[in-house]
Amino acid sequence: MGADLNKFHSLLFSVIFLVGVFSSTIVLAQLSVGITEGDWIEYATSYTGNINEIYPEWTRMEFTIVQGTSIRANLTVVGLDGRTTISGHYWDLETGRTDLFVISAGLDIGDHFYHANFGSIPLTENKYVTYADAKRTVVFSSFENFECYWDKNTGVLVQMIHSEDNITSTMLAIKTSMWQPQIQPQIFGLDSTIFYALIIILLAIIAIVTVFLLKRR
């Protein structure tokens, strides 16, 4: 009986040790910074509910220093009242202090990342959608009162929906230096390709009508 109990304890210790090693390996493998110094991104924020005029309406985040997993960024915020504030922020992917603005790059469904306030956060979806005028692959997670989307390639936040005290805010990436716009410019509310195609069709119709009228003379 004593021998069996010793074997059980030995097996249990081995399992706990292996799980701990495996978990640590996964966390370390996830730490990949996808941004560089000088990168920036801009957001527009909309609200539903009774809001205060000091709430942000437009935000620009510029990454000034990137060293290992440590990131420094300047945030310029314009409130609904038109006032502008500028603040400096220090984030670190390893400690999980990122304000949700940046996570490790290259994460996918089933991966987790650590946040200092929310603990281990799982990524449950990925999508190919348009943010800041370009189609991007993004990863998604829903936790506490947040729904967040991050660009998979860079790890930067592209959309955040936060609900609290009967107020829902939606922060959406509208412009960035980290990827090039892919959407065609619009003319009179139409994509330029469609607009010019309609012009060609109209000119063709005019030409046909003109030829028909000339033949009737």
N, C-alpha and C. Protein backbone atom coordinates (compact mmCIF):
# COMPACT_ATOMS: atom_id res chain seq x y z
N MET A 1 0.84 -1.20 0.00
CA MET A 1 0.00 0.00 0.00
C MET A 1 0.87 1.24 0.00
N GLY A 2 1.94 1.23 0.86
CA GLY A 2 2.83 2.38 0.92
C GLY A 2 3.55 2.60 -0.39
N ALA A 3 3.95 1.51 -1.05
CA ALA A 3 4.65 1.62 -2.33
C ALA A 3 3.73 2.21 -3.38
N ASP A 4 2.46 1.75 -3.40
CA ASP A 4 1.49 2.27 -4.37
C ASP A 4 1.25 3.76 -4.15
N LEU A 5 1.17 4.17 -2.86
CA LEU A 5 0.94 5.57 -2.55
C LEU A 5 2.12 6.43 -3.00
N ASN A 6 3.33 5.91 -2.82
CA ASN A 6 4.52 6.65 -3.26
C ASN A 6 4.54 6.79 -4.77
N LYS A 7 4.13 5.72 -5.48
CA LYS A 7 4.07 5.78 -6.94
C LYS A 7 3.05 6.82 -7.39
N PHE A 8 1.89 6.87 -6.68
CA PHE A 8 0.84 7.83 -7.04
C PHE A 8 1.34 9.26 -6.86
N HIS A 9 2.01 9.51 -5.72
CA HIS A 9 2.54 10.85 -5.47
C HIS A 9 3.60 11.23 -6.50
N SER A 10 4.44 10.25 -6.86
CA SER A 10 5.47 10.50 -7.87
C SER A 10 4.86 10.83 -9.22
N LEU A 11 3.81 10.09 -9.60
CA LEU A 11 3.12 10.32 -10.87
C LEU A 11 2.44 11.69 -10.86
N LEU A 12 1.78 12.01 -9.73
CA LEU A 12 1.09 13.29 -9.63
C LEU A 12 2.07 14.44 -9.73
N PHE A 13 3.20 14.33 -9.08
CA PHE A 13 4.21 15.39 -9.15
C PHE A 13 4.72 15.56 -10.57
N SER A 14 4.91 14.43 -11.27
CA SER A 14 5.42 14.50 -12.65
C SER A 14 4.42 15.20 -13.56
N VAL A 15 3.12 14.89 -13.38
CA VAL A 15 2.08 15.51 -14.21
C VAL A 15 2.04 17.02 -13.96
N ILE A 16 2.05 17.41 -12.67
CA ILE A 16 2.02 18.83 -12.32
C ILE A 16 3.23 19.54 -12.90
N PHE A 17 4.40 18.91 -12.82
CA PHE A 17 5.63 19.53 -13.33
C PHE A 17 5.56 19.71 -14.83
N LEU A 18 5.08 18.68 -15.55
CA LEU A 18 5.01 18.74 -17.01
C LEU A 18 4.00 19.78 -17.47
N VAL A 19 2.87 19.85 -16.77
CA VAL A 19 1.86 20.85 -17.11
C VAL A 19 2.42 22.25 -16.93
N GLY A 20 3.15 22.45 -15.82
CA GLY A 20 3.74 23.76 -15.57
C GLY A 20 4.75 24.15 -16.62
N VAL A 21 5.61 23.19 -17.01
CA VAL A 21 6.61 23.46 -18.04
C VAL A 21 5.94 23.76 -19.37
N PHE A 22 4.91 22.96 -19.73
CA PHE A 22 4.20 23.16 -20.99
C PHE A 22 3.53 24.52 -21.04
N SER A 23 2.88 24.91 -19.94
CA SER A 23 2.18 26.20 -19.88
C SER A 23 3.16 27.34 -20.04
N SER A 24 4.31 27.23 -19.36
CA SER A 24 5.30 28.29 -19.44
C SER A 24 5.83 28.43 -20.85
N THR A 25 6.02 27.28 -21.53
CA THR A 25 6.51 27.30 -22.90
C THR A 25 5.54 28.00 -23.82
N ILE A 26 4.22 27.73 -23.65
CA ILE A 26 3.20 28.36 -24.47
C ILE A 26 3.22 29.87 -24.28
N VAL A 27 3.28 30.33 -23.03
CA VAL A 27 3.27 31.76 -22.75
C VAL A 27 4.47 32.44 -23.39
N LEU A 28 5.65 31.86 -23.26
CA LEU A 28 6.84 32.45 -23.84
C LEU A 28 6.75 32.49 -25.36
N ALA A 29 6.18 31.45 -25.97
CA ALA A 29 6.08 31.39 -27.42
C ALA A 29 5.16 32.46 -27.96
N GLN A 30 4.22 32.93 -27.14
CA GLN A 30 3.25 33.91 -27.60
C GLN A 30 3.81 35.33 -27.64
N LEU A 31 4.89 35.60 -26.96
CA LEU A 31 5.38 36.97 -26.84
C LEU A 31 6.14 37.38 -28.09
N SER A 32 5.44 38.05 -29.00
CA SER A 32 6.04 38.53 -30.24
C SER A 32 5.51 39.93 -30.52
N VAL A 33 6.39 40.90 -30.55
CA VAL A 33 5.99 42.29 -30.78
C VAL A 33 5.88 42.53 -32.29
N GLY A 34 4.70 42.98 -32.73
CA GLY A 34 4.47 43.18 -34.17
C GLY A 34 4.49 44.62 -34.61
N ILE A 35 4.82 45.54 -33.71
CA ILE A 35 4.87 46.96 -34.06
C ILE A 35 6.30 47.45 -34.02
N THR A 36 6.55 48.59 -34.63
CA THR A 36 7.87 49.19 -34.62
C THR A 36 7.77 50.66 -34.21
N GLU A 37 8.88 51.23 -33.82
CA GLU A 37 8.90 52.64 -33.42
C GLU A 37 8.46 53.52 -34.58
N GLY A 38 7.60 54.47 -34.29
CA GLY A 38 7.09 55.36 -35.32
C GLY A 38 5.75 54.95 -35.87
N ASP A 39 5.32 53.71 -35.64
CA ASP A 39 3.99 53.27 -36.07
C ASP A 39 2.92 54.07 -35.34
N TRP A 40 1.80 54.31 -36.01
CA TRP A 40 0.70 55.01 -35.35
C TRP A 40 -0.63 54.48 -35.87
N ILE A 41 -1.67 54.74 -35.09
CA ILE A 41 -3.02 54.32 -35.47
C ILE A 41 -4.02 55.30 -34.86
N GLU A 42 -5.09 55.58 -35.59
CA GLU A 42 -6.11 56.52 -35.13
C GLU A 42 -7.45 55.80 -34.98
N TYR A 43 -8.23 56.25 -33.98
CA TYR A 43 -9.52 55.64 -33.68
C TYR A 43 -10.61 56.71 -33.61
N ALA A 44 -11.81 56.32 -33.98
CA ALA A 44 -13.00 57.13 -33.73
C ALA A 44 -13.87 56.35 -32.76
N THR A 45 -14.47 57.05 -31.80
CA THR A 45 -15.29 56.40 -30.79
C THR A 45 -16.70 56.96 -30.81
N SER A 46 -17.69 56.05 -30.83
CA SER A 46 -19.10 56.44 -30.78
C SER A 46 -19.74 55.84 -29.54
N TYR A 47 -20.88 56.40 -29.13
CA TYR A 47 -21.51 56.01 -27.87
C TYR A 47 -23.02 55.87 -28.01
N THR A 48 -23.58 55.06 -27.14
CA THR A 48 -25.02 55.03 -26.91
C THR A 48 -25.25 55.18 -25.41
N GLY A 49 -26.32 55.90 -25.04
CA GLY A 49 -26.59 56.14 -23.63
C GLY A 49 -26.24 57.57 -23.24
N ASN A 50 -26.40 57.88 -21.98
CA ASN A 50 -26.11 59.22 -21.46
C ASN A 50 -24.62 59.34 -21.18
N ILE A 51 -23.94 60.18 -21.95
CA ILE A 51 -22.49 60.25 -21.86
C ILE A 51 -22.04 61.64 -21.43
N ASN A 52 -20.80 61.69 -20.96
CA ASN A 52 -20.19 62.94 -20.52
C ASN A 52 -19.40 63.54 -21.68
N GLU A 53 -19.37 64.86 -21.78
CA GLU A 53 -18.69 65.52 -22.88
C GLU A 53 -17.18 65.32 -22.86
N ILE A 54 -16.63 64.86 -21.74
CA ILE A 54 -15.18 64.67 -21.68
C ILE A 54 -14.78 63.32 -22.29
N TYR A 55 -15.75 62.47 -22.65
CA TYR A 55 -15.42 61.17 -23.23
C TYR A 55 -14.68 61.36 -24.55
N PRO A 56 -13.76 60.46 -24.88
CA PRO A 56 -12.99 60.58 -26.13
C PRO A 56 -13.88 60.41 -27.36
N GLU A 57 -13.57 61.20 -28.39
CA GLU A 57 -14.22 61.05 -29.68
C GLU A 57 -13.22 60.60 -30.74
N TRP A 58 -11.98 61.06 -30.61
CA TRP A 58 -10.91 60.71 -31.55
C TRP A 58 -9.63 60.46 -30.76
N THR A 59 -8.91 59.41 -31.13
CA THR A 59 -7.68 59.05 -30.43
C THR A 59 -6.59 58.68 -31.43
N ARG A 60 -5.40 59.17 -31.18
CA ARG A 60 -4.24 58.78 -31.99
C ARG A 60 -3.19 58.19 -31.07
N MET A 61 -2.75 56.99 -31.39
CA MET A 61 -1.73 56.31 -30.60
C MET A 61 -0.48 56.16 -31.46
N GLU A 62 0.64 56.69 -30.95
CA GLU A 62 1.91 56.60 -31.67
C GLU A 62 2.94 55.89 -30.80
N PHE A 63 3.56 54.84 -31.35
CA PHE A 63 4.55 54.07 -30.61
C PHE A 63 5.91 54.74 -30.76
N THR A 64 6.48 55.16 -29.64
CA THR A 64 7.72 55.92 -29.67
C THR A 64 8.96 55.08 -29.38
N ILE A 65 8.82 54.09 -28.51
CA ILE A 65 9.95 53.23 -28.16
C ILE A 65 9.47 51.78 -28.07
N VAL A 66 10.19 50.88 -28.73
CA VAL A 66 9.91 49.44 -28.65
C VAL A 66 11.22 48.74 -28.32
N GLN A 67 11.29 48.15 -27.12
CA GLN A 67 12.48 47.44 -26.67
C GLN A 67 12.06 46.10 -26.09
N GLY A 68 12.37 45.03 -26.80
CA GLY A 68 11.93 43.71 -26.36
C GLY A 68 10.43 43.65 -26.31
N THR A 69 9.87 43.31 -25.14
CA THR A 69 8.41 43.28 -24.99
C THR A 69 7.86 44.58 -24.40
N SER A 70 8.76 45.55 -24.18
CA SER A 70 8.35 46.83 -23.60
C SER A 70 8.01 47.83 -24.69
N ILE A 71 6.96 48.60 -24.47
CA ILE A 71 6.46 49.55 -25.46
C ILE A 71 6.13 50.87 -24.79
N ARG A 72 6.57 51.96 -25.39
CA ARG A 72 6.16 53.28 -24.95
C ARG A 72 5.34 53.94 -26.07
N ALA A 73 4.26 54.59 -25.68
CA ALA A 73 3.37 55.20 -26.67
C ALA A 73 2.83 56.52 -26.17
N ASN A 74 2.58 57.43 -27.10
CA ASN A 74 1.91 58.68 -26.79
C ASN A 74 0.48 58.61 -27.30
N LEU A 75 -0.47 59.01 -26.46
CA LEU A 75 -1.88 59.03 -26.83
C LEU A 75 -2.36 60.47 -26.89
N THR A 76 -2.87 60.85 -28.04
CA THR A 76 -3.51 62.15 -28.21
C THR A 76 -5.01 61.91 -28.30
N VAL A 77 -5.77 62.52 -27.41
CA VAL A 77 -7.20 62.27 -27.32
C VAL A 77 -7.96 63.59 -27.46
N VAL A 78 -8.95 63.60 -28.35
CA VAL A 78 -9.86 64.74 -28.48
C VAL A 78 -11.21 64.32 -27.94
N GLY A 79 -11.71 65.04 -26.93
CA GLY A 79 -12.98 64.69 -26.31
C GLY A 79 -14.17 65.20 -27.11
N LEU A 80 -15.34 64.77 -26.70
CA LEU A 80 -16.56 65.24 -27.34
C LEU A 80 -16.73 66.74 -27.18
N ASP A 81 -16.09 67.30 -26.16
CA ASP A 81 -16.17 68.74 -25.94
C ASP A 81 -15.12 69.51 -26.75
N GLY A 82 -14.31 68.79 -27.53
CA GLY A 82 -13.30 69.44 -28.36
C GLY A 82 -11.96 69.63 -27.70
N ARG A 83 -11.84 69.31 -26.44
CA ARG A 83 -10.57 69.48 -25.74
C ARG A 83 -9.59 68.36 -26.09
N THR A 84 -8.31 68.73 -26.17
CA THR A 84 -7.26 67.77 -26.52
C THR A 84 -6.35 67.51 -25.33
N THR A 85 -6.06 66.23 -25.08
CA THR A 85 -5.11 65.85 -24.04
C THR A 85 -4.08 64.91 -24.63
N ILE A 86 -2.84 65.03 -24.16
CA ILE A 86 -1.75 64.17 -24.62
C ILE A 86 -1.12 63.51 -23.40
N SER A 87 -0.93 62.20 -23.48
CA SER A 87 -0.37 61.46 -22.34
C SER A 87 0.59 60.39 -22.85
N GLY A 88 1.59 60.08 -22.02
CA GLY A 88 2.54 59.03 -22.34
C GLY A 88 2.20 57.76 -21.58
N HIS A 89 2.41 56.60 -22.22
CA HIS A 89 2.06 55.32 -21.61
C HIS A 89 3.21 54.32 -21.78
N TYR A 90 3.38 53.48 -20.78
CA TYR A 90 4.38 52.41 -20.81
C TYR A 90 3.65 51.08 -20.68
N TRP A 91 3.88 50.20 -21.65
CA TRP A 91 3.23 48.89 -21.64
C TRP A 91 4.27 47.79 -21.77
N ASP A 92 3.90 46.60 -21.32
CA ASP A 92 4.81 45.45 -21.42
C ASP A 92 3.99 44.19 -21.66
N LEU A 93 4.24 43.51 -22.75
CA LEU A 93 3.50 42.29 -23.07
C LEU A 93 3.76 41.19 -22.05
N GLU A 94 4.96 41.17 -21.48
CA GLU A 94 5.31 40.09 -20.55
C GLU A 94 4.55 40.22 -19.24
N THR A 95 4.39 41.44 -18.75
CA THR A 95 3.68 41.64 -17.48
C THR A 95 2.18 41.79 -17.69
N GLY A 96 1.74 41.94 -18.94
CA GLY A 96 0.32 42.05 -19.23
C GLY A 96 -0.27 43.42 -18.99
N ARG A 97 0.59 44.42 -18.83
CA ARG A 97 0.10 45.79 -18.64
C ARG A 97 0.10 46.50 -19.99
N THR A 98 -1.03 46.40 -20.70
CA THR A 98 -1.09 46.94 -22.06
C THR A 98 -2.33 47.78 -22.32
N ASP A 99 -3.24 47.92 -21.35
CA ASP A 99 -4.49 48.65 -21.55
C ASP A 99 -5.29 48.10 -22.72
N LEU A 100 -4.98 46.87 -23.13
CA LEU A 100 -5.66 46.17 -24.23
C LEU A 100 -5.35 46.77 -25.60
N PHE A 101 -4.50 47.79 -25.67
CA PHE A 101 -4.19 48.40 -26.96
C PHE A 101 -3.29 47.52 -27.82
N VAL A 102 -2.49 46.69 -27.18
CA VAL A 102 -1.55 45.83 -27.93
C VAL A 102 -1.48 44.46 -27.27
N ILE A 103 -1.49 43.42 -28.09
CA ILE A 103 -1.22 42.07 -27.61
C ILE A 103 -0.10 41.49 -28.47
N SER A 104 0.30 40.28 -28.15
CA SER A 104 1.34 39.63 -28.92
C SER A 104 0.89 39.41 -30.35
N ALA A 105 1.78 39.59 -31.30
CA ALA A 105 1.46 39.41 -32.71
C ALA A 105 1.42 37.92 -33.06
N GLY A 106 0.61 37.59 -34.08
CA GLY A 106 0.58 36.22 -34.61
C GLY A 106 -0.29 35.25 -33.85
N LEU A 107 -1.07 35.70 -32.88
CA LEU A 107 -1.92 34.79 -32.12
C LEU A 107 -3.12 34.36 -32.95
N ASP A 108 -3.68 33.19 -32.61
CA ASP A 108 -4.80 32.64 -33.38
C ASP A 108 -5.83 32.04 -32.43
N ILE A 109 -6.89 31.48 -33.00
CA ILE A 109 -7.94 30.85 -32.20
C ILE A 109 -7.34 29.78 -31.29
N GLY A 110 -7.75 29.80 -30.03
CA GLY A 110 -7.25 28.83 -29.06
C GLY A 110 -6.06 29.32 -28.27
N ASP A 111 -5.38 30.36 -28.75
CA ASP A 111 -4.27 30.95 -28.00
C ASP A 111 -4.80 31.81 -26.86
N HIS A 112 -3.96 32.00 -25.84
CA HIS A 112 -4.29 32.86 -24.72
C HIS A 112 -3.21 33.93 -24.59
N PHE A 113 -3.58 35.09 -24.08
CA PHE A 113 -2.57 36.06 -23.70
C PHE A 113 -2.90 36.55 -22.30
N TYR A 114 -1.88 37.03 -21.61
CA TYR A 114 -2.06 37.43 -20.21
C TYR A 114 -2.26 38.93 -20.10
N HIS A 115 -3.25 39.31 -19.29
CA HIS A 115 -3.48 40.72 -18.97
C HIS A 115 -3.45 40.89 -17.47
N ALA A 116 -2.80 41.94 -17.01
CA ALA A 116 -2.60 42.13 -15.57
C ALA A 116 -3.90 42.23 -14.80
N ASN A 117 -4.95 42.80 -15.42
CA ASN A 117 -6.22 42.98 -14.71
C ASN A 117 -7.21 41.85 -14.93
N PHE A 118 -7.13 41.18 -16.08
CA PHE A 118 -8.14 40.17 -16.43
C PHE A 118 -7.59 38.74 -16.45
N GLY A 119 -6.30 38.58 -16.23
CA GLY A 119 -5.73 37.25 -16.23
C GLY A 119 -5.53 36.70 -17.63
N SER A 120 -5.70 35.38 -17.78
CA SER A 120 -5.51 34.73 -19.07
C SER A 120 -6.76 34.93 -19.94
N ILE A 121 -6.57 35.51 -21.11
CA ILE A 121 -7.68 35.81 -22.01
C ILE A 121 -7.58 34.94 -23.25
N PRO A 122 -8.61 34.14 -23.55
CA PRO A 122 -8.56 33.26 -24.72
C PRO A 122 -9.06 33.98 -25.97
N LEU A 123 -8.48 33.65 -27.10
CA LEU A 123 -8.95 34.17 -28.39
C LEU A 123 -9.87 33.13 -29.00
N THR A 124 -11.09 33.53 -29.36
CA THR A 124 -12.12 32.57 -29.75
C THR A 124 -12.53 32.63 -31.22
N GLU A 125 -12.15 33.68 -31.93
CA GLU A 125 -12.54 33.80 -33.33
C GLU A 125 -11.44 34.51 -34.12
N ASN A 126 -11.42 34.27 -35.42
CA ASN A 126 -10.67 35.17 -36.30
C ASN A 126 -11.53 35.47 -37.52
N LYS A 127 -11.34 36.66 -38.08
CA LYS A 127 -12.15 37.12 -39.20
C LYS A 127 -11.26 37.87 -40.18
N TYR A 128 -11.77 38.00 -41.42
CA TYR A 128 -11.07 38.78 -42.45
C TYR A 128 -11.99 39.93 -42.82
N VAL A 129 -11.76 41.07 -42.24
CA VAL A 129 -12.68 42.21 -42.37
C VAL A 129 -11.89 43.50 -42.59
N THR A 130 -12.61 44.58 -42.87
CA THR A 130 -11.99 45.86 -43.19
C THR A 130 -11.83 46.73 -41.95
N TYR A 131 -10.58 47.15 -41.71
CA TYR A 131 -10.27 48.13 -40.67
C TYR A 131 -9.26 49.12 -41.24
N ALA A 132 -9.48 50.40 -41.00
CA ALA A 132 -8.57 51.44 -41.49
C ALA A 132 -8.32 51.28 -42.98
N ASP A 133 -9.40 51.09 -43.73
CA ASP A 133 -9.38 51.07 -45.20
C ASP A 133 -8.62 49.90 -45.81
N ALA A 134 -8.54 48.79 -45.10
CA ALA A 134 -7.88 47.61 -45.69
C ALA A 134 -8.45 46.34 -45.07
N LYS A 135 -8.50 45.28 -45.85
CA LYS A 135 -8.91 43.98 -45.35
C LYS A 135 -7.80 43.41 -44.48
N ARG A 136 -8.15 43.01 -43.26
CA ARG A 136 -7.17 42.49 -42.33
C ARG A 136 -7.71 41.23 -41.65
N THR A 137 -6.80 40.32 -41.31
CA THR A 137 -7.17 39.18 -40.48
C THR A 137 -7.06 39.61 -39.03
N VAL A 138 -8.16 39.46 -38.28
CA VAL A 138 -8.19 39.91 -36.89
C VAL A 138 -8.58 38.75 -35.99
N VAL A 139 -8.19 38.84 -34.72
CA VAL A 139 -8.56 37.86 -33.71
C VAL A 139 -9.47 38.54 -32.70
N PHE A 140 -10.34 37.75 -32.08
CA PHE A 140 -11.40 38.30 -31.24
C PHE A 140 -11.46 37.62 -29.88
N SER A 141 -11.84 38.40 -28.87
CA SER A 141 -12.11 37.84 -27.55
C SER A 141 -13.18 38.68 -26.86
N SER A 142 -14.04 38.00 -26.10
CA SER A 142 -15.07 38.66 -25.31
C SER A 142 -14.86 38.28 -23.84
N PHE A 143 -14.73 39.28 -22.97
CA PHE A 143 -14.48 39.02 -21.55
C PHE A 143 -14.96 40.21 -20.73
N GLU A 144 -15.36 39.94 -19.50
CA GLU A 144 -15.89 40.99 -18.64
C GLU A 144 -16.94 41.79 -19.41
N ASN A 145 -16.75 43.11 -19.55
CA ASN A 145 -17.67 43.95 -20.32
C ASN A 145 -17.06 44.40 -21.65
N PHE A 146 -16.09 43.64 -22.14
CA PHE A 146 -15.36 44.03 -23.34
C PHE A 146 -15.56 43.02 -24.48
N GLU A 147 -15.60 43.55 -25.69
CA GLU A 147 -15.47 42.76 -26.92
C GLU A 147 -14.37 43.42 -27.73
N CYS A 148 -13.30 42.68 -27.99
CA CYS A 148 -12.13 43.29 -28.63
C CYS A 148 -11.68 42.52 -29.86
N TYR A 149 -11.21 43.29 -30.85
CA TYR A 149 -10.60 42.74 -32.06
C TYR A 149 -9.19 43.32 -32.18
N TRP A 150 -8.23 42.44 -32.44
CA TRP A 150 -6.85 42.88 -32.67
C TRP A 150 -6.38 42.41 -34.04
N ASP A 151 -5.60 43.23 -34.70
CA ASP A 151 -4.98 42.83 -35.96
C ASP A 151 -4.00 41.69 -35.69
N LYS A 152 -4.15 40.60 -36.41
CA LYS A 152 -3.34 39.41 -36.13
C LYS A 152 -1.87 39.65 -36.41
N ASN A 153 -1.56 40.34 -37.47
CA ASN A 153 -0.17 40.50 -37.89
C ASN A 153 0.62 41.42 -36.97
N THR A 154 -0.03 42.48 -36.47
CA THR A 154 0.69 43.45 -35.63
C THR A 154 0.35 43.34 -34.15
N GLY A 155 -0.81 42.76 -33.82
CA GLY A 155 -1.26 42.68 -32.43
C GLY A 155 -1.91 43.95 -31.93
N VAL A 156 -2.11 44.94 -32.79
CA VAL A 156 -2.67 46.21 -32.35
C VAL A 156 -4.20 46.14 -32.33
N LEU A 157 -4.80 46.84 -31.37
CA LEU A 157 -6.26 46.88 -31.25
C LEU A 157 -6.87 47.60 -32.45
N VAL A 158 -7.93 47.01 -33.04
CA VAL A 158 -8.62 47.67 -34.15
C VAL A 158 -10.08 47.97 -33.82
N GLN A 159 -10.63 47.30 -32.81
CA GLN A 159 -12.00 47.61 -32.39
C GLN A 159 -12.20 47.15 -30.95
N MET A 160 -12.88 48.01 -30.18
CA MET A 160 -13.23 47.66 -28.81
C MET A 160 -14.65 48.13 -28.52
N ILE A 161 -15.46 47.22 -28.02
CA ILE A 161 -16.82 47.55 -27.58
C ILE A 161 -16.88 47.33 -26.08
N HIS A 162 -17.26 48.37 -25.35
CA HIS A 162 -17.29 48.30 -23.89
C HIS A 162 -18.64 48.77 -23.39
N SER A 163 -19.28 47.95 -22.56
CA SER A 163 -20.60 48.28 -22.02
C SER A 163 -20.54 48.33 -20.50
N GLU A 164 -21.02 49.45 -19.94
CA GLU A 164 -21.03 49.62 -18.49
C GLU A 164 -21.94 50.79 -18.12
N ASP A 165 -22.73 50.63 -17.06
CA ASP A 165 -23.61 51.68 -16.55
C ASP A 165 -24.51 52.24 -17.65
N ASN A 166 -25.11 51.35 -18.43
CA ASN A 166 -26.04 51.74 -19.50
C ASN A 166 -25.41 52.59 -20.60
N ILE A 167 -24.08 52.52 -20.69
CA ILE A 167 -23.37 53.22 -21.76
C ILE A 167 -22.55 52.20 -22.55
N THR A 168 -22.67 52.24 -23.86
CA THR A 168 -21.88 51.38 -24.72
C THR A 168 -21.01 52.24 -25.62
N SER A 169 -19.71 51.99 -25.57
CA SER A 169 -18.77 52.72 -26.42
C SER A 169 -18.17 51.77 -27.45
N THR A 170 -17.98 52.28 -28.65
CA THR A 170 -17.36 51.50 -29.72
C THR A 170 -16.19 52.29 -30.28
N MET A 171 -14.99 51.79 -30.05
CA MET A 171 -13.77 52.41 -30.58
C MET A 171 -13.34 51.65 -31.82
N LEU A 172 -13.15 52.37 -32.93
CA LEU A 172 -12.90 51.74 -34.22
C LEU A 172 -11.68 52.37 -34.88
N ALA A 173 -10.76 51.53 -35.36
CA ALA A 173 -9.58 52.02 -36.08
C ALA A 173 -10.00 52.59 -37.42
N ILE A 174 -9.55 53.82 -37.72
CA ILE A 174 -9.95 54.47 -38.97
C ILE A 174 -8.77 54.80 -39.88
N LYS A 175 -7.56 54.87 -39.32
CA LYS A 175 -6.40 55.20 -40.13
C LYS A 175 -5.15 54.72 -39.42
N THR A 176 -4.14 54.28 -40.19
CA THR A 176 -2.90 53.79 -39.58
C THR A 176 -1.76 53.84 -40.58
N SER A 177 -0.55 53.84 -40.04
CA SER A 177 0.66 53.75 -40.87
C SER A 177 1.13 52.31 -41.04
N MET A 178 0.47 51.38 -40.36
CA MET A 178 0.96 50.00 -40.31
C MET A 178 0.53 49.15 -41.49
N TRP A 179 -0.44 49.61 -42.26
CA TRP A 179 -0.79 48.94 -43.52
C TRP A 179 -1.36 49.97 -44.48
N GLN A 180 -1.32 49.63 -45.76
CA GLN A 180 -1.75 50.56 -46.80
C GLN A 180 -3.24 50.41 -47.08
N PRO A 181 -3.94 51.53 -47.33
CA PRO A 181 -5.36 51.45 -47.69
C PRO A 181 -5.56 50.65 -48.97
N GLN A 182 -6.61 49.84 -48.99
CA GLN A 182 -6.90 49.03 -50.17
C GLN A 182 -8.23 49.37 -50.82
N ILE A 183 -9.02 50.22 -50.17
CA ILE A 183 -10.33 50.56 -50.69
C ILE A 183 -10.20 51.66 -51.74
N GLN A 184 -10.90 51.50 -52.86
CA GLN A 184 -10.87 52.49 -53.91
C GLN A 184 -11.51 53.79 -53.44
N PRO A 185 -10.96 54.94 -53.87
CA PRO A 185 -11.60 56.22 -53.53
C PRO A 185 -12.98 56.32 -54.15
N GLN A 186 -13.84 57.10 -53.51
CA GLN A 186 -15.22 57.22 -53.98
C GLN A 186 -15.46 58.54 -54.69
N ILE A 187 -16.35 58.49 -55.68
CA ILE A 187 -16.78 59.67 -56.42
C ILE A 187 -18.31 59.71 -56.37
N PHE A 188 -18.86 60.76 -55.79
CA PHE A 188 -20.31 60.87 -55.62
C PHE A 188 -20.88 59.65 -54.89
N GLY A 189 -20.13 59.14 -53.90
CA GLY A 189 -20.62 58.02 -53.11
C GLY A 189 -20.41 56.65 -53.74
N LEU A 190 -19.78 56.61 -54.92
CA LEU A 190 -19.53 55.35 -55.60
C LEU A 190 -18.04 55.08 -55.66
N ASP A 191 -17.65 53.78 -55.62
CA ASP A 191 -16.26 53.44 -55.85
C ASP A 191 -15.85 53.95 -57.21
N SER A 192 -14.61 54.43 -57.31
CA SER A 192 -14.16 55.04 -58.56
C SER A 192 -14.27 54.08 -59.74
N THR A 193 -14.02 52.77 -59.50
CA THR A 193 -14.12 51.79 -60.59
C THR A 193 -15.54 51.72 -61.13
N ILE A 194 -16.52 51.69 -60.22
CA ILE A 194 -17.92 51.64 -60.64
C ILE A 194 -18.31 52.93 -61.34
N PHE A 195 -17.85 54.07 -60.81
CA PHE A 195 -18.19 55.36 -61.40
C PHE A 195 -17.70 55.44 -62.85
N TYR A 196 -16.44 55.08 -63.07
CA TYR A 196 -15.89 55.16 -64.43
C TYR A 196 -16.54 54.14 -65.36
N ALA A 197 -16.92 53.00 -64.82
CA ALA A 197 -17.62 52.00 -65.63
C ALA A 197 -18.96 52.55 -66.10
N LEU A 198 -19.67 53.24 -65.20
CA LEU A 198 -20.95 53.84 -65.57
C LEU A 198 -20.77 54.94 -66.62
N ILE A 199 -19.68 55.71 -66.51
CA ILE A 199 -19.39 56.75 -67.50
C ILE A 199 -19.18 56.12 -68.88
N ILE A 200 -18.42 55.02 -68.91
CA ILE A 200 -18.16 54.34 -70.18
C ILE A 200 -19.45 53.82 -70.80
N ILE A 201 -20.30 53.23 -69.94
CA ILE A 201 -21.59 52.73 -70.42
C ILE A 201 -22.45 53.86 -70.96
N LEU A 202 -22.46 54.99 -70.25
CA LEU A 202 -23.25 56.14 -70.68
C LEU A 202 -22.74 56.68 -72.02
N LEU A 203 -21.42 56.78 -72.16
CA LEU A 203 -20.85 57.25 -73.42
C LEU A 203 -21.18 56.31 -74.57
N ALA A 204 -21.17 55.00 -74.28
CA ALA A 204 -21.51 54.01 -75.31
C ALA A 204 -22.96 54.17 -75.75
N ILE A 205 -23.85 54.41 -74.78
CA ILE A 205 -25.26 54.59 -75.11
C ILE A 205 -25.44 55.86 -75.96
N ILE A 206 -24.75 56.94 -75.58
CA ILE A 206 -24.84 58.18 -76.35
C ILE A 206 -24.34 57.97 -77.78
N ALA A 207 -23.25 57.22 -77.91
CA ALA A 207 -22.70 56.95 -79.25
C ALA A 207 -23.68 56.15 -80.09
N ILE A 208 -24.31 55.14 -79.50
CA ILE A 208 -25.28 54.31 -80.24
C ILE A 208 -26.48 55.14 -80.67
N VAL A 209 -26.99 55.97 -79.76
CA VAL A 209 -28.14 56.82 -80.08
C VAL A 209 -27.78 57.82 -81.18
N THR A 210 -26.56 58.38 -81.10
CA THR A 210 -26.12 59.34 -82.11
C THR A 210 -26.05 58.69 -83.49
N VAL A 211 -25.46 57.49 -83.56
CA VAL A 211 -25.36 56.77 -84.84
C VAL A 211 -26.75 56.45 -85.38
N PHE A 212 -27.66 56.04 -84.51
CA PHE A 212 -29.02 55.70 -84.93
C PHE A 212 -29.74 56.91 -85.52
N LEU A 213 -29.58 58.07 -84.86
CA LEU A 213 -30.24 59.29 -85.34
C LEU A 213 -29.64 59.74 -86.66
N LEU A 214 -28.32 59.61 -86.82
CA LEU A 214 -27.69 60.00 -88.08
C LEU A 214 -28.15 59.13 -89.25
N LYS A 215 -28.39 57.85 -88.97
CA LYS A 215 -28.84 56.92 -90.02
C LYS A 215 -30.27 57.23 -90.46
N ARG A 216 -31.05 57.80 -89.56
CA ARG A 216 -32.45 58.10 -89.89
C ARG A 216 -32.59 59.34 -90.78
N ARG A 217 -31.56 60.17 -90.85
CA ARG A 217 -31.64 61.39 -91.67
C ARG A 217 -31.54 61.06 -93.16
